[in-house]
């Protein structure tokens, strides 16, 4: 769920090298990223990042499903989605999986 507007420090955005027009708030749903990101938390995504640059937490669309996951890009381009909640095992995506990067998550109640 995209949120239209919330007050947020432009100073913090500058420190994190995020342009205000690229910063978008969304609501996280589910417990797979707990304790890092709680169910219902508001997270801030840098939508200028549209490809996996390095290991980090990203907002993704995977085969039509929206997810917020820690992403690891392995040798040969293999992509593994990792939940911070140990109840959810890592998921290595098949080459046929349609993956769209919506942006990199950089704040969820604090800098990530």
Protein backbone atom coordinates (compact mmCIF):
# COMPACT_ATOMS: atom_id res chain seq x y z
CA UNK A 1 0.00 0.00 0.00
CA UNK A 2 1.58 3.27 -1.12
CA UNK A 3 1.17 6.26 1.18
CA UNK A 4 0.84 9.67 -0.47
CA UNK A 5 2.64 11.92 2.02
CA UNK A 6 4.25 11.85 5.45
CA UNK A 7 6.63 14.36 6.99
CA UNK A 8 10.23 13.16 6.84
CA UNK A 9 13.59 14.81 7.36
CA UNK A 10 15.14 16.06 4.12
CA UNK A 11 18.45 16.20 6.01
CA UNK A 12 18.29 12.46 6.63
CA UNK A 13 17.42 11.83 2.99
CA UNK A 14 20.44 13.87 1.88
CA UNK A 15 22.70 12.00 4.33
CA UNK A 16 21.52 8.74 2.79
CA UNK A 17 21.91 10.07 -0.79
CA UNK A 18 18.19 9.69 -1.50
CA UNK A 19 16.46 12.37 -3.53
CA UNK A 20 13.07 13.35 -2.04
CA UNK A 21 11.23 12.62 -5.30
CA UNK A 22 12.57 9.03 -5.22
CA UNK A 23 11.57 8.34 -1.61
CA UNK A 24 8.25 6.51 -1.25
CA UNK A 25 6.56 5.22 1.89
CA UNK A 26 4.79 1.86 1.84
CA UNK A 27 3.14 -0.31 4.50
CA UNK A 28 4.80 -3.65 5.18
CA UNK A 29 2.44 -6.60 5.62
CA UNK A 30 3.25 -9.89 7.31
CA UNK A 31 5.83 -11.08 9.82
CA UNK A 32 8.48 -12.54 7.50
CA UNK A 33 10.90 -9.62 8.03
CA UNK A 34 10.49 -9.40 11.82
CA UNK A 35 12.26 -8.22 13.92
CA UNK A 36 13.81 -5.82 11.36
CA UNK A 37 10.48 -4.77 9.84
CA UNK A 38 7.29 -5.33 11.84
CA UNK A 39 3.90 -6.21 10.37
CA UNK A 40 2.17 -2.93 9.49
CA UNK A 41 5.35 -0.87 9.70
CA UNK A 42 5.85 2.06 7.39
CA UNK A 43 9.01 1.64 5.33
CA UNK A 44 10.78 4.09 3.07
CA UNK A 45 11.90 2.89 -0.35
CA UNK A 46 14.36 4.54 -2.75
CA UNK A 47 12.56 3.98 -6.05
CA UNK A 48 15.56 5.16 -8.08
CA UNK A 49 17.19 1.80 -7.41
CA UNK A 50 15.60 -0.56 -9.95
CA UNK A 51 18.15 -3.35 -9.94
CA UNK A 52 19.85 -5.37 -7.24
CA UNK A 53 23.12 -3.56 -6.63
CA UNK A 54 24.25 -5.39 -3.54
CA UNK A 55 22.88 -7.45 -0.69
CA UNK A 56 20.16 -5.46 1.06
CA UNK A 57 16.43 -5.21 1.66
CA UNK A 58 14.34 -4.48 -1.41
CA UNK A 59 10.69 -3.96 -2.32
CA UNK A 60 10.02 -6.46 -5.09
CA UNK A 61 7.30 -7.84 -7.30
CA UNK A 62 7.88 -11.58 -7.74
CA UNK A 63 5.56 -13.28 -10.23
CA UNK A 64 2.95 -10.61 -9.44
CA UNK A 65 3.29 -10.79 -5.62
CA UNK A 66 4.65 -7.75 -3.75
CA UNK A 67 7.35 -8.62 -1.21
CA UNK A 68 9.86 -6.90 1.02
CA UNK A 69 12.86 -9.21 1.40
CA UNK A 70 16.55 -9.25 2.05
CA UNK A 71 18.11 -10.13 -1.30
CA UNK A 72 21.34 -11.93 -2.00
CA UNK A 73 22.68 -12.10 -5.54
CA UNK A 74 24.95 -15.07 -5.93
CA UNK A 75 27.45 -16.35 -8.43
CA UNK A 76 25.97 -16.61 -11.90
CA UNK A 77 23.18 -14.17 -11.04
CA UNK A 78 21.15 -16.51 -8.82
CA UNK A 79 18.82 -14.48 -6.60
CA UNK A 80 17.91 -15.64 -3.09
CA UNK A 81 15.15 -13.97 -1.06
CA UNK A 82 15.83 -14.10 2.67
CA UNK A 83 13.36 -13.42 5.47
CA UNK A 84 14.72 -12.10 8.76
CA UNK A 85 12.16 -14.25 10.61
CA UNK A 86 13.76 -17.72 10.92
CA UNK A 87 10.34 -19.38 10.50
CA UNK A 88 10.61 -18.64 6.77
CA UNK A 89 13.34 -20.46 4.80
CA UNK A 90 15.39 -18.69 2.11
CA UNK A 91 13.94 -18.93 -1.39
CA UNK A 92 16.20 -19.16 -4.45
CA UNK A 93 14.33 -17.93 -7.49
CA UNK A 94 14.16 -20.01 -10.65
CA UNK A 95 15.47 -18.44 -13.85
CA UNK A 96 11.89 -18.32 -15.16
CA UNK A 97 10.70 -16.19 -12.22
CA UNK A 98 9.58 -12.71 -13.18
CA UNK A 99 11.31 -10.32 -10.77
CA UNK A 100 10.79 -6.55 -10.74
CA UNK A 101 12.72 -4.37 -8.30
CA UNK A 102 10.53 -1.52 -7.03
CA UNK A 103 13.32 0.00 -4.93
CA UNK A 104 15.68 -0.47 -2.03
CA UNK A 105 14.32 -0.20 1.50
CA UNK A 106 16.52 2.11 3.55
CA UNK A 107 14.31 3.07 6.52
CA UNK A 108 11.75 1.23 8.67
CA UNK A 109 11.35 3.22 11.86
CA UNK A 110 15.10 3.72 11.65
CA UNK A 111 17.89 3.51 9.10
CA UNK A 112 18.43 -0.01 7.73
